[in-house]
N, C-alpha and C. Protein backbone atom coordinates (compact mmCIF):
# COMPACT_ATOMS: atom_id res chain seq x y z
N MET A 1 -21.75 79.23 -57.47
CA MET A 1 -21.13 79.92 -58.51
C MET A 1 -21.03 78.84 -59.66
N MET A 2 -21.27 79.35 -60.99
CA MET A 2 -21.02 78.52 -62.20
C MET A 2 -19.68 78.35 -62.63
N SER A 3 -19.22 77.23 -63.01
CA SER A 3 -17.97 77.07 -63.59
C SER A 3 -17.89 77.94 -64.68
N LEU A 4 -16.69 78.67 -65.08
CA LEU A 4 -16.41 79.61 -65.90
C LEU A 4 -15.69 78.86 -67.08
N ALA A 5 -15.58 77.60 -67.13
CA ALA A 5 -14.96 76.84 -68.19
C ALA A 5 -15.27 75.31 -68.27
N ASP A 6 -15.57 74.88 -69.34
CA ASP A 6 -15.64 73.52 -69.58
C ASP A 6 -14.44 72.60 -69.52
N PRO A 7 -14.43 71.55 -68.80
CA PRO A 7 -13.31 70.79 -68.63
C PRO A 7 -12.58 70.49 -70.30
N ILE A 8 -11.51 70.82 -70.44
CA ILE A 8 -10.44 70.28 -71.51
C ILE A 8 -9.32 69.61 -71.30
N LEU A 9 -9.03 68.23 -71.81
CA LEU A 9 -8.14 67.47 -71.39
C LEU A 9 -6.79 68.18 -71.72
N GLU A 10 -5.71 68.14 -70.69
CA GLU A 10 -4.54 68.76 -70.64
C GLU A 10 -4.65 70.14 -70.22
N ASN A 11 -5.67 70.81 -70.29
CA ASN A 11 -5.61 72.26 -69.92
C ASN A 11 -5.60 72.52 -68.43
N TRP A 12 -4.94 73.86 -68.00
CA TRP A 12 -4.80 74.18 -66.66
C TRP A 12 -5.95 74.86 -66.40
N TYR A 13 -6.44 74.98 -64.71
CA TYR A 13 -7.36 75.69 -64.26
C TYR A 13 -7.10 75.91 -62.78
N LYS A 14 -7.78 76.92 -62.44
CA LYS A 14 -7.64 77.40 -60.90
C LYS A 14 -8.84 77.40 -60.24
N ASP A 15 -8.92 76.98 -59.06
CA ASP A 15 -10.14 76.79 -58.26
C ASP A 15 -10.19 78.01 -57.42
N ALA A 16 -10.94 79.10 -57.47
CA ALA A 16 -11.01 80.19 -56.79
C ALA A 16 -11.27 80.19 -55.55
N ASP A 17 -12.11 79.26 -55.02
CA ASP A 17 -12.48 79.07 -53.89
C ASP A 17 -11.33 78.51 -53.01
N ALA A 18 -10.70 77.43 -53.44
CA ALA A 18 -9.81 76.82 -52.82
C ALA A 18 -8.35 77.18 -53.00
N ASP A 19 -8.20 77.98 -53.97
CA ASP A 19 -6.67 78.33 -54.48
C ASP A 19 -5.90 77.41 -54.89
N ARG A 20 -6.56 76.54 -55.44
CA ARG A 20 -5.55 75.35 -55.96
C ARG A 20 -5.44 75.54 -57.75
N ILE A 21 -4.32 74.97 -58.12
CA ILE A 21 -4.26 74.99 -59.54
C ILE A 21 -4.08 73.50 -59.92
N PHE A 22 -4.76 73.10 -61.15
CA PHE A 22 -4.60 72.02 -61.52
C PHE A 22 -4.88 71.76 -62.91
N ARG A 23 -4.59 70.66 -63.51
CA ARG A 23 -4.86 70.35 -64.86
C ARG A 23 -5.69 69.06 -65.26
N VAL A 24 -6.48 69.09 -66.27
CA VAL A 24 -7.48 68.02 -66.61
C VAL A 24 -6.58 66.86 -67.04
N VAL A 25 -6.54 65.62 -66.44
CA VAL A 25 -5.78 64.65 -67.02
C VAL A 25 -6.49 63.35 -67.83
N ALA A 26 -7.92 63.30 -67.35
CA ALA A 26 -8.87 62.66 -67.87
C ALA A 26 -10.33 63.05 -68.02
N ILE A 27 -11.18 62.74 -68.90
CA ILE A 27 -12.30 63.00 -68.88
C ILE A 27 -13.27 61.67 -69.12
N ASP A 28 -14.00 61.24 -68.11
CA ASP A 28 -14.67 59.68 -68.35
C ASP A 28 -15.99 60.24 -68.40
N VAL A 29 -16.52 60.10 -69.83
CA VAL A 29 -17.82 60.38 -70.03
C VAL A 29 -19.08 59.21 -69.53
N ASP A 30 -18.53 57.97 -69.46
CA ASP A 30 -19.52 56.99 -69.07
C ASP A 30 -19.68 57.29 -67.59
N ASN A 31 -19.01 57.54 -66.77
CA ASN A 31 -18.97 58.02 -65.27
C ASN A 31 -19.13 59.31 -64.82
N ASP A 32 -19.27 60.20 -65.82
CA ASP A 32 -19.69 61.56 -65.67
C ASP A 32 -18.56 62.11 -64.62
N SER A 33 -17.20 61.83 -64.82
CA SER A 33 -16.21 62.44 -63.94
C SER A 33 -15.02 63.09 -64.72
N ILE A 34 -14.26 63.80 -63.95
CA ILE A 34 -13.20 64.71 -64.54
C ILE A 34 -12.16 64.25 -63.56
N GLU A 35 -11.05 63.83 -63.96
CA GLU A 35 -9.66 63.59 -63.44
C GLU A 35 -8.63 64.36 -63.60
N VAL A 36 -8.18 64.89 -62.25
CA VAL A 36 -7.32 65.98 -62.40
C VAL A 36 -6.09 65.79 -61.71
N GLN A 37 -4.96 66.58 -62.06
CA GLN A 37 -3.69 66.53 -61.05
C GLN A 37 -3.36 67.67 -60.79
N TYR A 38 -3.25 68.12 -59.51
CA TYR A 38 -2.98 69.18 -58.75
C TYR A 38 -1.27 69.54 -59.17
N LEU A 39 -0.80 70.80 -58.84
CA LEU A 39 0.35 71.35 -59.24
C LEU A 39 1.30 70.63 -58.29
N ASN A 40 0.76 69.98 -57.21
CA ASN A 40 1.67 69.48 -56.36
C ASN A 40 2.21 67.94 -56.38
N GLY A 41 1.27 67.43 -57.73
CA GLY A 41 1.42 66.12 -58.03
C GLY A 41 0.27 65.26 -57.64
N ASP A 42 -0.79 65.69 -56.59
CA ASP A 42 -1.59 64.82 -56.30
C ASP A 42 -2.88 64.65 -57.33
N LEU A 43 -3.44 63.59 -57.32
CA LEU A 43 -4.60 63.39 -58.02
C LEU A 43 -6.00 63.52 -57.33
N GLY A 44 -6.78 63.98 -58.35
CA GLY A 44 -8.21 64.32 -57.67
C GLY A 44 -9.14 63.90 -58.76
N GLU A 45 -10.49 64.06 -58.27
CA GLU A 45 -11.44 63.52 -59.34
C GLU A 45 -12.90 64.30 -58.88
N TYR A 46 -13.48 64.99 -59.83
CA TYR A 46 -14.59 66.00 -59.74
C TYR A 46 -15.89 64.93 -60.56
N GLU A 47 -16.98 64.96 -60.17
CA GLU A 47 -18.21 64.70 -60.83
C GLU A 47 -18.51 65.86 -61.73
N THR A 48 -19.03 65.51 -63.03
CA THR A 48 -19.28 66.42 -63.97
C THR A 48 -20.16 67.61 -63.03
N ALA A 49 -21.32 67.23 -62.57
CA ALA A 49 -22.12 68.11 -61.80
C ALA A 49 -21.48 69.07 -60.79
N THR A 50 -20.46 68.67 -60.23
CA THR A 50 -19.61 69.42 -59.17
C THR A 50 -18.80 70.38 -59.97
N TRP A 51 -18.28 70.03 -61.11
CA TRP A 51 -17.46 70.80 -62.02
C TRP A 51 -18.33 71.78 -62.47
N GLU A 52 -19.57 71.58 -62.89
CA GLU A 52 -20.46 72.82 -63.41
C GLU A 52 -20.66 73.74 -62.41
N ASP A 53 -20.71 73.20 -61.09
CA ASP A 53 -21.07 74.39 -60.27
C ASP A 53 -19.92 74.73 -59.19
N SER A 54 -18.60 74.55 -60.01
CA SER A 54 -17.61 75.27 -59.29
C SER A 54 -17.03 76.77 -59.77
N SER A 55 -16.09 77.02 -59.16
CA SER A 55 -15.53 78.27 -59.11
C SER A 55 -14.31 78.18 -59.92
N PHE A 56 -14.02 77.08 -61.03
CA PHE A 56 -12.92 76.84 -61.66
C PHE A 56 -12.83 77.66 -62.93
N TYR A 57 -11.66 78.40 -63.35
CA TYR A 57 -11.60 79.05 -64.36
C TYR A 57 -10.19 78.86 -65.20
N PRO A 58 -10.09 78.95 -66.68
CA PRO A 58 -8.94 78.36 -67.19
C PRO A 58 -7.73 79.63 -66.86
N ILE A 59 -6.72 78.71 -66.96
CA ILE A 59 -5.37 79.51 -66.58
C ILE A 59 -4.19 78.90 -67.69
N GLU A 60 -3.30 79.92 -67.85
CA GLU A 60 -2.17 79.37 -68.30
C GLU A 60 -1.36 78.21 -67.82
N PRO A 61 -0.53 77.32 -68.47
CA PRO A 61 0.23 76.67 -67.75
C PRO A 61 1.25 77.22 -66.88
N PRO A 62 1.47 76.98 -65.42
CA PRO A 62 2.32 77.34 -64.55
C PRO A 62 3.62 77.41 -65.24
N GLU A 63 4.46 78.09 -64.85
CA GLU A 63 5.97 78.26 -65.37
C GLU A 63 6.77 77.07 -65.04
N ASP A 64 6.54 76.43 -63.65
CA ASP A 64 7.23 75.48 -63.30
C ASP A 64 6.10 74.11 -63.03
N TRP A 65 5.37 73.84 -64.17
CA TRP A 65 4.32 72.93 -63.95
C TRP A 65 5.10 71.59 -63.76
N SER A 66 6.08 71.33 -64.11
CA SER A 66 6.88 69.67 -63.92
C SER A 66 7.50 69.69 -62.50
N ALA A 67 7.21 70.61 -61.63
CA ALA A 67 7.82 70.57 -60.37
C ALA A 67 7.73 69.29 -59.66
N PRO A 68 6.08 68.71 -59.81
CA PRO A 68 5.94 67.37 -58.91
C PRO A 68 6.79 66.55 -59.56
N PHE A 69 7.33 66.36 -60.85
CA PHE A 69 8.25 65.29 -61.28
C PHE A 69 9.71 65.39 -61.11
N ASP A 70 10.04 66.52 -60.44
CA ASP A 70 11.54 66.86 -60.39
C ASP A 70 12.26 65.63 -59.68
N HIS A 71 11.38 64.91 -58.69
CA HIS A 71 12.19 63.87 -58.14
C HIS A 71 12.17 62.45 -58.94
N VAL A 72 11.41 62.45 -60.01
CA VAL A 72 11.25 61.10 -60.73
C VAL A 72 12.61 60.91 -61.50
N GLU A 73 13.13 59.80 -61.62
CA GLU A 73 14.38 59.16 -62.42
C GLU A 73 13.86 59.22 -63.91
N ILE A 74 14.76 59.41 -64.75
CA ILE A 74 14.37 59.20 -66.06
C ILE A 74 13.97 57.70 -66.26
N ASP A 75 14.63 56.74 -65.58
CA ASP A 75 14.00 55.27 -65.57
C ASP A 75 12.64 54.96 -65.26
N ASP A 76 12.04 56.00 -64.27
CA ASP A 76 10.97 55.80 -63.85
C ASP A 76 9.62 56.36 -64.93
N MET A 77 10.18 57.27 -65.60
CA MET A 77 9.31 57.56 -66.99
C MET A 77 9.36 56.84 -68.02
N GLY A 78 10.21 55.53 -68.14
CA GLY A 78 10.38 54.82 -69.39
C GLY A 78 10.93 55.25 -70.40
N TYR A 79 11.72 56.14 -70.11
CA TYR A 79 12.46 56.64 -71.25
C TYR A 79 13.71 56.03 -71.51
N SER A 80 14.42 55.24 -70.51
CA SER A 80 15.68 54.24 -70.72
C SER A 80 15.18 53.02 -70.89
N ASP A 81 15.98 52.34 -71.79
CA ASP A 81 15.71 50.82 -71.85
C ASP A 81 17.09 50.19 -72.11
N PRO A 82 17.45 49.36 -70.98
CA PRO A 82 18.86 48.86 -71.21
C PRO A 82 19.01 47.53 -72.07
N ASP A 83 17.87 47.19 -72.56
CA ASP A 83 17.99 46.13 -73.31
C ASP A 83 18.14 46.78 -74.85
N ARG A 84 19.24 46.33 -75.35
CA ARG A 84 19.58 46.75 -76.75
C ARG A 84 18.88 46.11 -77.96
N HIS A 85 17.96 45.01 -77.52
CA HIS A 85 17.26 44.19 -78.59
C HIS A 85 18.08 43.62 -79.72
N GLY A 86 19.26 43.28 -79.11
CA GLY A 86 19.99 42.39 -80.25
C GLY A 86 19.72 41.08 -80.04
N ARG A 87 20.61 40.39 -80.94
CA ARG A 87 20.32 38.87 -81.15
C ARG A 87 20.64 38.08 -79.63
N ASP A 88 20.06 37.18 -79.30
CA ASP A 88 20.39 36.34 -78.02
C ASP A 88 21.40 35.73 -78.21
N LEU A 89 22.54 36.08 -77.34
CA LEU A 89 23.96 35.43 -77.27
C LEU A 89 23.85 34.12 -77.07
N ASP A 90 22.96 33.44 -76.21
CA ASP A 90 22.77 32.29 -75.75
C ASP A 90 22.51 31.30 -76.94
N ASP A 91 22.02 31.76 -78.10
CA ASP A 91 21.95 30.81 -79.10
C ASP A 91 22.80 31.04 -80.28
N MET A 92 23.93 31.72 -79.99
CA MET A 92 24.96 31.90 -81.01
C MET A 92 26.37 31.30 -80.41
N SER A 93 27.05 30.91 -81.80
CA SER A 93 28.14 30.14 -81.54
C SER A 93 29.14 31.25 -81.66
N LEU A 94 30.35 30.92 -81.36
CA LEU A 94 31.56 31.91 -81.36
C LEU A 94 31.80 32.41 -82.65
N GLU A 95 31.50 31.62 -83.80
CA GLU A 95 31.69 32.17 -85.08
C GLU A 95 30.72 33.24 -85.49
N ASP A 96 29.42 33.03 -84.96
CA ASP A 96 28.34 34.02 -85.14
C ASP A 96 28.63 35.37 -84.70
N ILE A 97 29.09 35.31 -83.29
CA ILE A 97 29.44 36.43 -82.47
C ILE A 97 30.49 37.45 -83.32
N LEU A 98 31.51 36.51 -83.90
CA LEU A 98 32.74 37.03 -84.69
C LEU A 98 32.44 37.63 -85.95
N ASP A 99 31.48 37.01 -86.56
CA ASP A 99 30.84 37.46 -87.84
C ASP A 99 30.11 38.60 -87.60
N ASP A 100 29.16 38.74 -86.64
CA ASP A 100 28.52 40.17 -86.46
C ASP A 100 29.43 41.03 -86.06
N GLU A 101 30.54 41.05 -85.49
CA GLU A 101 31.64 41.91 -84.98
C GLU A 101 32.08 42.44 -86.28
N GLU A 102 32.40 41.44 -87.27
CA GLU A 102 33.18 42.10 -88.37
C GLU A 102 32.27 42.83 -89.47
N HIS A 103 31.04 42.43 -89.35
CA HIS A 103 29.84 43.22 -90.32
C HIS A 103 29.76 44.52 -89.49
N GLU A 104 29.98 44.82 -88.19
CA GLU A 104 29.69 46.19 -87.54
C GLU A 104 30.66 47.08 -88.01
N GLU A 105 32.01 46.61 -88.29
CA GLU A 105 33.00 47.51 -88.54
C GLU A 105 32.98 48.18 -90.03
C-alpha cells in the first residue's frame, strides 16, 4: 500500500496496519530518514522508502497528545532556572550589597 501522506514536521499520523499513532519529530534529508515519536513517548525512525510504501495517513492531533510527558517535572523541561543571574556576591563588599538593596526599594 502506498502512503497517503508525505511526512510533515510536527504533523500527526496513524499507521493503519499497526494501529499506532505518532508525530514526525525530524526529517533527515541527508540520510533519507524520518524520525517519529509515538503516542506512548517511544521514538522511532523510518527510511523514506519505507514511508512511501507504508499505510500511514494524516490525523488530527490526539486530545491528550501530551500524555507521555505527564510524568516529566517542569525542571526536566528546562523551564525553571534557580539561578537569578544576579551579581556574584563573592566579589562584592558589604557596602555594595547594601547599596544594591537601597536601589531596589
